[in-house]
């Protein structure tokens, strides 16, 4: 694995390209076996593919009067570019490439569109365009046939593994990479260090980081934090943390330490106020028992919210934003759930890490993912509402389970360490917190993995 993902152009690239691409979508049914034309794979890096798809979308947008016009069997769409999924750009073979792109329509819905490209750097053409998801919900999945071709499968007919679930246990290497921006003054950085617990065994194989470093303890939730002191000479340098992980599927469990009451308290972006008290009372009205009440809140969040990473305000885990906008990512879904649960007297807590793709054995990961647990009937119950919203057939599973293919990097909100950021307690810790001269700054982050036990599956997932 490497901090720079997707630049291999040897036999390994030709064989793994389809495995990498399945994280956002598989190859089209007309594509050849991933082993075809291995000897003649050209040198095309992900930056070339990104430039090709961005050039195409820009040209079509100008031709379309400011919108990328897309005609599909599902209708006519006027779209604007949100982002290119750089972690899923792939070279499929000689002059054949893949890109996955998020575009938003005039109503604010975000569509995941798959593009297949052909050609050389600077002169790529589009050979196929496929509308895959709306607001995170897939229209179909892909499945590999015995002859190594791919076919589309309706979501309602696919197995849980095809939708991202590994039961039992999973083992993998996980590589956490960050690239520093230009540093013009003294800088400080805080990164999560995953720790072992009853459901994950963590072995930190290596830490490669510039500057002066030490490990801080975060007492309230039991987190470990890598703290770096940096300077201008560290500009552009990479930070890599390499883990070996064995993870168990999580279901309801009795805690070793029994102190759920502290998870009834508000947090900076997860308040308890009259709005949430009133909402919670309405949602759990006539429901008996905390387990039933928690399920009512879970269903309410799914019904009320859309998974959409677009606009301003999403991604902070802001319960008020989620309540008002009714959209957001996993942090917003789960902040809203926690506020309502606590308002109903049900302890609830937050954790964040990454979901490991279930049906490929290495490659990039589409950023962080978070989840929650609530306390009822003497147990902590794991739930994942944003995944349940994406895959309605799994809503029962995700009320009481987290799959094995995950790594938890930290838990809790408003984290306090010494020394801490000038901005105050850390909202949540998945991506690094960086300050230059006590001002917030951003580092580029990439996650990748390599499974060390086979999933024995040829199904494709998008997770």
Protein backbone atom coordinates (compact mmCIF):
# COMPACT_ATOMS: atom_id res chain seq x y z
CA UNK A 1 0.00 0.00 0.00
CA UNK A 2 1.04 3.59 -0.52
CA UNK A 3 -0.05 7.05 0.48
CA UNK A 4 -0.37 7.83 -3.22
CA UNK A 5 -3.12 5.49 -4.39
CA UNK A 6 -3.81 4.47 -7.97
CA UNK A 7 -0.45 5.14 -9.62
CA UNK A 8 0.61 1.54 -10.24
CA UNK A 9 0.68 0.62 -13.93
CA UNK A 10 2.21 -2.84 -13.86
CA UNK A 11 0.51 -6.24 -14.01
CA UNK A 12 -0.81 -5.57 -10.50
CA UNK A 13 -2.76 -2.53 -11.73
CA UNK A 14 -4.37 -4.45 -14.55
CA UNK A 15 -5.48 -7.18 -12.19
CA UNK A 16 -6.62 -4.88 -9.38
CA UNK A 17 -8.18 -2.10 -11.42
CA UNK A 18 -11.60 -3.69 -11.37
CA UNK A 19 -11.26 -4.43 -7.68
CA UNK A 20 -10.47 -0.78 -7.02
CA UNK A 21 -13.27 0.45 -9.26
CA UNK A 22 -15.94 -1.61 -7.57
CA UNK A 23 -15.82 0.60 -4.54
CA UNK A 24 -17.78 3.10 -6.61
CA UNK A 25 -18.99 0.73 -9.32
CA UNK A 26 -17.87 -2.19 -11.41
CA UNK A 27 -16.90 -2.23 -15.06
CA UNK A 28 -19.65 -2.37 -17.64
CA UNK A 29 -21.04 -5.67 -18.82
CA UNK A 30 -19.07 -5.29 -22.03
CA UNK A 31 -15.72 -4.98 -20.25
CA UNK A 32 -13.24 -7.83 -20.48
CA UNK A 33 -11.77 -9.89 -17.69
CA UNK A 34 -9.53 -7.75 -15.44
CA UNK A 35 -6.62 -9.92 -16.61
CA UNK A 36 -7.08 -9.02 -20.28
CA UNK A 37 -4.24 -7.26 -22.10
CA UNK A 38 -2.10 -7.31 -18.97
CA UNK A 39 1.16 -7.04 -20.84
CA UNK A 40 0.21 -3.86 -22.70
CA UNK A 41 -1.22 -1.65 -19.96
CA UNK A 42 -0.16 1.92 -20.65
CA UNK A 43 1.14 4.45 -18.18
CA UNK A 44 -1.94 6.38 -17.13
CA UNK A 45 -2.13 7.74 -13.60
CA UNK A 46 -5.21 8.84 -11.70
CA UNK A 47 -4.43 12.51 -12.31
CA UNK A 48 -4.77 11.86 -16.07
CA UNK A 49 -8.18 10.23 -15.61
CA UNK A 50 -9.33 13.03 -13.29
CA UNK A 51 -8.24 15.63 -15.84
CA UNK A 52 -10.06 13.72 -18.58
CA UNK A 53 -13.39 13.48 -16.78
CA UNK A 54 -13.25 17.06 -15.48
CA UNK A 55 -12.50 18.34 -18.99
CA UNK A 56 -15.46 16.38 -20.39
CA UNK A 57 -17.87 17.61 -17.72
CA UNK A 58 -16.66 21.20 -18.10
CA UNK A 59 -17.16 21.11 -21.89
CA UNK A 60 -20.63 19.57 -21.59
CA UNK A 61 -21.58 22.07 -18.87
CA UNK A 62 -20.64 25.03 -21.07
CA UNK A 63 -22.56 23.50 -23.98
CA UNK A 64 -25.55 22.96 -21.70
CA UNK A 65 -25.86 26.57 -20.61
CA UNK A 66 -24.20 26.06 -17.26
CA UNK A 67 -25.52 22.54 -16.62
CA UNK A 68 -24.30 19.06 -17.44
CA UNK A 69 -27.30 17.66 -19.32
CA UNK A 70 -27.81 13.93 -18.80
CA UNK A 71 -30.48 11.81 -20.49
CA UNK A 72 -31.18 8.39 -18.94
CA UNK A 73 -33.97 5.86 -18.70
CA UNK A 74 -34.86 7.57 -15.41
CA UNK A 75 -35.40 10.95 -17.03
CA UNK A 76 -33.65 14.14 -18.07
CA UNK A 77 -31.29 15.80 -15.62
CA UNK A 78 -29.60 19.22 -15.43
CA UNK A 79 -26.58 18.75 -13.19
CA UNK A 80 -23.58 20.56 -11.74
CA UNK A 81 -20.30 18.96 -10.65
CA UNK A 82 -19.87 18.38 -6.90
CA UNK A 83 -16.75 16.20 -6.83
CA UNK A 84 -14.78 13.50 -8.57
CA UNK A 85 -14.20 10.43 -6.39
CA UNK A 86 -10.42 10.40 -6.76
CA UNK A 87 -10.15 7.26 -4.61
CA UNK A 88 -11.99 5.25 -7.29
CA UNK A 89 -10.36 6.52 -10.46
CA UNK A 90 -8.92 3.48 -12.21
CA UNK A 91 -7.02 2.33 -15.28
CA UNK A 92 -8.95 -0.72 -16.53
CA UNK A 93 -6.42 -1.67 -19.18
CA UNK A 94 -4.97 -0.30 -22.41
CA UNK A 95 -6.69 3.04 -23.04
CA UNK A 96 -9.69 2.07 -20.85
CA UNK A 97 -10.48 3.97 -17.68
CA UNK A 98 -13.16 4.54 -15.04
CA UNK A 99 -14.37 7.56 -13.05
CA UNK A 100 -17.11 8.01 -10.47
CA UNK A 101 -18.54 11.51 -10.05
CA UNK A 102 -21.08 13.26 -7.81
CA UNK A 103 -23.36 15.78 -9.55
CA UNK A 104 -26.25 17.77 -8.08
CA UNK A 105 -29.51 18.63 -9.86
CA UNK A 106 -31.59 21.79 -9.69
CA UNK A 107 -33.70 20.36 -6.83
CA UNK A 108 -30.62 19.67 -4.67
CA UNK A 109 -30.54 15.90 -5.13
CA UNK A 110 -27.04 14.44 -5.51
CA UNK A 111 -26.49 11.73 -8.12
CA UNK A 112 -23.58 9.30 -8.28
CA UNK A 113 -22.70 8.84 -11.96
CA UNK A 114 -20.25 6.28 -13.34
CA UNK A 115 -18.23 7.10 -16.45
CA UNK A 116 -16.17 4.75 -18.62
CA UNK A 117 -13.48 6.48 -20.66
CA UNK A 118 -11.21 5.51 -23.54
CA UNK A 119 -8.04 7.07 -24.86
CA UNK A 120 -4.73 8.54 -23.82
CA UNK A 121 -3.90 11.41 -21.46
CA UNK A 122 -5.24 14.66 -22.89
CA UNK A 123 -7.56 12.99 -25.41
CA UNK A 124 -10.01 10.77 -23.54
CA UNK A 125 -13.57 10.16 -24.73
CA UNK A 126 -16.60 8.86 -22.83
CA UNK A 127 -17.83 5.42 -23.87
CA UNK A 128 -20.56 4.84 -21.26
CA UNK A 129 -22.40 6.89 -18.64
CA UNK A 130 -24.47 5.19 -15.93
CA UNK A 131 -26.66 6.74 -13.23
CA UNK A 132 -25.91 4.70 -10.12
CA UNK A 133 -27.19 6.43 -6.97
CA UNK A 134 -29.51 9.16 -5.79
CA UNK A 135 -28.65 10.72 -2.42
CA UNK A 136 -26.56 7.69 -1.55
CA UNK A 137 -29.24 5.14 -2.43
CA UNK A 138 -28.22 2.77 -5.25
CA UNK A 139 -30.47 1.92 -8.15
CA UNK A 140 -28.60 -1.36 -8.70
CA UNK A 141 -25.40 -3.23 -7.84
CA UNK A 142 -22.94 -5.18 -9.95
CA UNK A 143 -22.14 -8.88 -9.77
CA UNK A 144 -19.30 -10.74 -11.45
CA UNK A 145 -20.24 -13.79 -13.48
CA UNK A 146 -18.14 -17.01 -13.82
CA UNK A 147 -16.78 -15.76 -17.17
CA UNK A 148 -15.51 -12.60 -15.38
CA UNK A 149 -18.02 -10.25 -17.00
CA UNK A 150 -20.16 -7.96 -14.84
CA UNK A 151 -23.96 -7.78 -14.77
CA UNK A 152 -26.27 -5.29 -13.12
CA UNK A 153 -28.43 -6.68 -10.32
CA UNK A 154 -31.48 -4.93 -8.79
CA UNK A 155 -30.71 -3.87 -5.23
CA UNK A 156 -33.65 -5.84 -3.83
CA UNK A 157 -32.15 -9.07 -5.21
CA UNK A 158 -28.61 -8.76 -3.83
CA UNK A 159 -26.97 -10.29 -0.77
CA UNK A 160 -25.93 -8.23 2.27
CA UNK A 161 -22.28 -8.71 1.31
CA UNK A 162 -22.95 -7.06 -2.01
CA UNK A 163 -24.18 -4.06 -0.01
CA UNK A 164 -21.16 -3.85 2.27
CA UNK A 165 -21.61 -6.29 5.14
CA UNK A 166 -19.11 -8.89 6.32
CA UNK A 167 -20.43 -10.98 9.18
CA UNK A 168 -18.32 -12.73 11.80
CA UNK A 169 -14.86 -11.24 11.58
CA UNK A 170 -12.54 -9.46 9.17
CA UNK A 171 -8.78 -8.86 9.04
CA UNK A 172 -6.96 -6.18 7.07
CA UNK A 173 -4.13 -3.71 6.93
CA UNK A 174 -5.33 -0.13 7.14
CA UNK A 175 -3.20 2.78 5.97
CA UNK A 176 -3.98 6.27 7.24
CA UNK A 177 -2.24 8.93 5.12
CA UNK A 178 -2.14 12.70 5.45
CA UNK A 179 -0.23 15.21 3.33
CA UNK A 180 0.71 18.52 4.92
CA UNK A 181 -0.05 21.82 3.15
CA UNK A 182 2.39 24.71 2.99
CA UNK A 183 3.33 25.63 6.54
CA UNK A 184 4.33 29.26 6.98
CA UNK A 185 4.70 29.34 10.77
CA UNK A 186 4.78 26.97 13.72
CA UNK A 187 2.08 24.33 13.43
CA UNK A 188 0.41 21.68 15.57
CA UNK A 189 -1.49 18.60 14.49
CA UNK A 190 -3.72 16.05 16.23
CA UNK A 191 -4.49 12.66 14.62
CA UNK A 192 -6.48 9.69 15.97
CA UNK A 193 -4.69 6.51 17.02
CA UNK A 194 -7.01 3.50 16.97
CA UNK A 195 -7.03 1.38 20.13
CA UNK A 196 -8.02 -2.21 20.85
CA UNK A 197 -11.27 -3.10 22.58
CA UNK A 198 -13.58 -6.11 22.80
CA UNK A 199 -14.45 -5.86 19.10
CA UNK A 200 -11.21 -4.81 17.44
CA UNK A 201 -7.60 -5.83 17.91
CA UNK A 202 -5.25 -3.07 16.80
CA UNK A 203 -1.55 -3.49 16.06
CA UNK A 204 0.18 -0.28 14.99
CA UNK A 205 2.87 -1.57 12.62
CA UNK A 206 4.51 1.77 11.82
CA UNK A 207 4.17 5.52 12.24
CA UNK A 208 6.05 7.71 9.79
CA UNK A 209 5.63 11.37 10.66
CA UNK A 210 7.75 14.54 10.57
CA UNK A 211 8.31 16.99 13.38
CA UNK A 212 8.32 16.42 17.11
CA UNK A 213 5.70 13.92 18.22
CA UNK A 214 4.11 12.35 21.26
CA UNK A 215 0.99 10.36 22.13
CA UNK A 216 -1.70 12.08 24.18
CA UNK A 217 -4.42 10.44 26.22
CA UNK A 218 -8.04 11.59 26.05
CA UNK A 219 -9.52 10.49 29.36
CA UNK A 220 -13.27 10.95 28.90
CA UNK A 221 -13.67 8.38 26.10
CA UNK A 222 -10.37 6.50 26.27
CA UNK A 223 -8.94 7.78 22.98
CA UNK A 224 -5.29 8.03 21.99
CA UNK A 225 -4.11 10.99 19.92
CA UNK A 226 -0.91 11.47 17.95
CA UNK A 227 0.31 15.02 18.52
CA UNK A 228 2.84 16.65 16.17
CA UNK A 229 4.73 19.93 16.40
CA UNK A 230 5.70 21.08 12.90
CA UNK A 231 7.40 23.93 11.09
CA UNK A 232 7.87 25.37 7.59
CA UNK A 233 10.45 22.69 6.75
CA UNK A 234 7.66 20.08 7.02
CA UNK A 235 5.57 21.60 4.23
CA UNK A 236 4.27 18.97 1.81
CA UNK A 237 5.51 16.02 3.86
CA UNK A 238 3.48 12.83 4.33
CA UNK A 239 2.24 11.23 7.53
CA UNK A 240 1.51 7.51 7.44
CA UNK A 241 0.09 5.28 10.15
CA UNK A 242 -0.04 1.60 9.25
CA UNK A 243 -2.35 -0.71 11.20
CA UNK A 244 -3.02 -4.43 11.29
CA UNK A 245 -6.64 -4.90 12.34
CA UNK A 246 -8.81 -7.84 13.35
CA UNK A 247 -12.39 -6.75 13.75
CA UNK A 248 -15.44 -8.65 15.03
CA UNK A 249 -19.03 -8.02 14.02
CA UNK A 250 -20.73 -6.07 16.79
CA UNK A 251 -24.16 -6.77 18.23
CA UNK A 252 -25.82 -5.74 21.50
CA UNK A 253 -23.46 -6.28 24.44
CA UNK A 254 -23.25 -5.81 28.20
CA UNK A 255 -20.63 -3.17 29.08
CA UNK A 256 -17.69 -3.94 31.36
CA UNK A 257 -18.11 -0.53 32.95
CA UNK A 258 -21.66 0.56 33.68
CA UNK A 259 -21.94 4.35 33.41
CA UNK A 260 -24.47 5.16 30.68
CA UNK A 261 -25.86 8.24 32.45
CA UNK A 262 -22.99 10.45 31.27
CA UNK A 263 -24.22 9.89 27.71
CA UNK A 264 -27.40 11.81 28.49
CA UNK A 265 -25.54 15.13 28.58
CA UNK A 266 -25.62 17.65 25.70
CA UNK A 267 -22.59 18.48 23.54
CA UNK A 268 -21.69 21.60 21.61
CA UNK A 269 -23.36 20.49 18.35
CA UNK A 270 -25.66 17.91 19.93
CA UNK A 271 -27.89 20.04 22.18
CA UNK A 272 -30.81 19.28 24.42
CA UNK A 273 -33.38 22.05 24.14
CA UNK A 274 -37.10 22.57 23.82
CA UNK A 275 -37.09 21.74 20.12
CA UNK A 276 -35.52 18.33 20.61
CA UNK A 277 -37.51 17.64 23.76
CA UNK A 278 -40.75 18.34 21.91
CA UNK A 279 -39.71 16.30 18.86
CA UNK A 280 -38.61 13.36 20.98
CA UNK A 281 -41.85 13.33 22.97
CA UNK A 282 -43.84 13.26 19.75
CA UNK A 283 -41.72 10.50 18.15
CA UNK A 284 -41.85 8.16 21.18
CA UNK A 285 -45.45 8.90 22.16
CA UNK A 286 -47.26 5.73 23.33
CA UNK A 287 -44.07 3.65 22.86
CA UNK A 288 -43.27 1.36 25.80
CA UNK A 289 -39.68 0.59 26.79
CA UNK A 290 -36.41 2.17 25.68
CA UNK A 291 -35.71 -0.41 22.98
CA UNK A 292 -39.04 0.31 21.27
CA UNK A 293 -38.57 4.04 21.76
CA UNK A 294 -35.08 3.94 20.27
CA UNK A 295 -36.42 2.08 17.24
CA UNK A 296 -39.08 4.76 16.77
CA UNK A 297 -36.37 7.45 16.79
CA UNK A 298 -34.23 5.39 14.37
CA UNK A 299 -37.16 5.08 11.95
CA UNK A 300 -37.97 8.78 12.33
CA UNK A 301 -34.42 9.80 11.33
CA UNK A 302 -34.53 7.52 8.27
CA UNK A 303 -37.93 8.89 7.24
CA UNK A 304 -37.04 12.53 7.84
CA UNK A 305 -33.51 12.80 6.42
CA UNK A 306 -31.84 12.35 3.03
CA UNK A 307 -28.20 11.36 2.71
CA UNK A 308 -26.75 14.29 0.80
CA UNK A 309 -23.26 15.81 0.95
CA UNK A 310 -23.99 19.12 -0.73
CA UNK A 311 -24.31 22.75 0.25
CA UNK A 312 -23.09 24.44 3.43
CA UNK A 313 -23.24 23.05 6.94
CA UNK A 314 -23.21 19.29 6.38
CA UNK A 315 -20.53 17.01 7.81
CA UNK A 316 -20.10 18.71 11.17
CA UNK A 317 -22.36 16.41 13.13
CA UNK A 318 -24.65 19.35 13.88
CA UNK A 319 -28.01 18.13 15.18
CA UNK A 320 -29.67 21.52 14.68
CA UNK A 321 -28.49 21.66 11.06
CA UNK A 322 -29.76 18.10 10.48
CA UNK A 323 -33.12 18.91 12.05
CA UNK A 324 -33.58 22.00 9.88
CA UNK A 325 -32.00 20.92 6.58
CA UNK A 326 -33.19 17.29 6.77
CA UNK A 327 -30.04 16.32 4.84
CA UNK A 328 -26.42 15.54 5.61
CA UNK A 329 -23.86 12.77 5.92
CA UNK A 330 -23.37 10.11 8.58
CA UNK A 331 -22.27 12.64 11.23
CA UNK A 332 -25.46 14.65 10.78
CA UNK A 333 -27.76 11.62 10.77
CA UNK A 334 -26.22 10.35 13.98
CA UNK A 335 -26.03 13.72 15.74
CA UNK A 336 -29.77 14.10 15.15
CA UNK A 337 -30.42 10.60 16.51
CA UNK A 338 -28.29 11.22 19.61
CA UNK A 339 -30.06 14.50 20.45
CA UNK A 340 -33.49 12.87 20.15
CA UNK A 341 -32.43 9.77 22.07
CA UNK A 342 -30.97 11.78 24.94
CA UNK A 343 -34.07 14.00 24.97
CA UNK A 344 -36.11 10.81 25.39
CA UNK A 345 -33.89 9.73 28.29
CA UNK A 346 -31.97 7.11 26.29
CA UNK A 347 -28.15 7.29 26.61
CA UNK A 348 -26.44 7.43 23.21
CA UNK A 349 -22.81 7.80 22.12
CA UNK A 350 -20.83 8.47 18.95
CA UNK A 351 -17.85 6.75 17.28
CA UNK A 352 -16.03 7.31 14.01
CA UNK A 353 -13.62 5.42 11.78
CA UNK A 354 -13.84 3.87 8.33
CA UNK A 355 -15.97 1.25 6.59
CA UNK A 356 -13.80 -1.30 4.77
CA UNK A 357 -15.18 -2.35 1.35
CA UNK A 358 -16.61 -5.85 1.60
CA UNK A 359 -16.08 -7.34 -1.85
CA UNK A 360 -12.65 -6.21 -2.91
CA UNK A 361 -9.47 -6.95 -1.07
CA UNK A 362 -7.50 -3.73 -1.41
CA UNK A 363 -7.63 -0.15 -2.61
CA UNK A 364 -8.93 3.25 -1.62
CA UNK A 365 -11.67 4.03 0.89
CA UNK A 366 -14.22 6.80 0.44
CA UNK A 367 -13.32 8.77 3.58
CA UNK A 368 -14.48 8.34 7.13
CA UNK A 369 -17.69 6.77 8.40
CA UNK A 370 -19.40 7.10 11.78
CA UNK A 371 -22.00 5.27 13.84
CA UNK A 372 -23.66 5.30 17.25
CA UNK A 373 -24.74 3.10 20.14
CA UNK A 374 -27.67 3.56 22.51
CA UNK A 375 -28.23 2.00 25.93
CA UNK A 376 -31.37 -0.04 26.69
CA UNK A 377 -32.22 -3.14 28.71
CA UNK A 378 -28.76 -3.25 30.26
CA UNK A 379 -26.92 -3.36 26.91
CA UNK A 380 -25.32 -1.06 24.35
CA UNK A 381 -27.04 -1.46 20.99
CA UNK A 382 -25.02 -0.54 17.86
CA UNK A 383 -26.89 1.24 15.06
CA UNK A 384 -25.94 2.80 11.73
CA UNK A 385 -28.73 5.00 10.47
CA UNK A 386 -27.10 6.51 7.39
CA UNK A 387 -26.28 3.05 6.00
CA UNK A 388 -29.82 1.89 6.80
CA UNK A 389 -31.10 4.91 4.89
CA UNK A 390 -28.99 4.00 1.85
CA UNK A 391 -29.96 0.33 1.89
CA UNK A 392 -33.52 -0.02 3.17
CA UNK A 393 -33.33 -3.83 2.98
CA UNK A 394 -30.68 -3.68 5.72
CA UNK A 395 -32.54 -1.36 8.10
CA UNK A 396 -33.33 -4.24 10.45
CA UNK A 397 -29.70 -5.40 10.47
CA UNK A 398 -28.31 -1.94 11.20
CA UNK A 399 -30.59 -1.58 14.22
CA UNK A 400 -28.46 -3.67 16.56
CA UNK A 401 -25.40 -4.52 14.45
CA UNK A 402 -22.20 -3.12 13.01
CA UNK A 403 -20.47 -5.37 10.45
CA UNK A 404 -16.96 -6.72 10.90
CA UNK A 405 -15.46 -4.72 8.04
CA UNK A 406 -14.79 -1.52 9.99
CA UNK A 407 -12.12 0.21 12.00
CA UNK A 408 -12.95 2.56 14.85
CA UNK A 409 -10.47 5.43 15.06
CA UNK A 410 -11.99 7.39 17.94
CA UNK A 411 -15.16 7.77 19.96
CA UNK A 412 -17.03 10.67 21.48
CA UNK A 413 -17.47 14.37 20.74
CA UNK A 414 -15.90 17.55 22.14
CA UNK A 415 -12.63 15.76 22.84
CA UNK A 416 -10.17 17.45 25.18
CA UNK A 417 -6.44 16.77 25.26
CA UNK A 418 -3.40 18.61 26.59
CA UNK A 419 -2.01 20.37 24.70
CA UNK A 420 -5.18 20.98 22.74
CA UNK A 421 -6.15 23.12 19.73
CA UNK A 422 -6.49 26.86 20.14
CA UNK A 423 -9.99 26.47 18.65
CA UNK A 424 -11.09 24.47 21.69
CA UNK A 425 -12.30 20.88 22.13
CA UNK A 426 -12.12 18.67 19.05
CA UNK A 427 -15.57 18.22 17.51
CA UNK A 428 -14.77 14.61 16.51
CA UNK A 429 -11.53 13.03 15.39
CA UNK A 430 -11.20 11.09 12.15
CA UNK A 431 -9.36 13.45 9.83
CA UNK A 432 -6.46 15.31 11.42
CA UNK A 433 -6.91 18.62 13.19
CA UNK A 434 -4.21 21.03 12.00
CA UNK A 435 -3.46 24.54 13.20
CA UNK A 436 -0.84 26.88 11.72
CA UNK A 437 -0.07 29.83 13.98
CA UNK A 438 -3.15 28.79 15.98
CA UNK A 439 -5.38 29.11 12.89
CA UNK A 440 -7.26 26.12 11.41
CA UNK A 441 -5.74 24.55 8.28
CA UNK A 442 -6.39 21.39 6.28
CA UNK A 443 -4.26 18.43 5.34
CA UNK A 444 -5.10 16.12 2.47
CA UNK A 445 -6.22 12.71 3.76
CA UNK A 446 -6.40 9.30 2.10
CA UNK A 447 -7.37 5.93 3.55
CA UNK A 448 -6.53 2.61 1.92
CA UNK A 449 -6.59 -1.03 2.93
CA UNK A 450 -5.43 -4.51 2.07
CA UNK A 451 -7.41 -7.47 3.33
CA UNK A 452 -5.35 -10.24 4.91
CA UNK A 453 -8.14 -12.80 4.93
CA UNK A 454 -10.12 -13.50 1.75
CA UNK A 455 -13.80 -12.61 1.53
CA UNK A 456 -14.21 -15.45 -0.99
CA UNK A 457 -16.61 -13.31 -2.94
CA UNK A 458 -16.86 -12.04 -6.49
CA UNK A 459 -19.68 -9.68 -5.66
CA UNK A 460 -19.15 -5.95 -5.94
CA UNK A 461 -20.11 -3.42 -3.31
CA UNK A 462 -20.20 0.35 -3.23
CA UNK A 463 -19.16 1.34 0.27
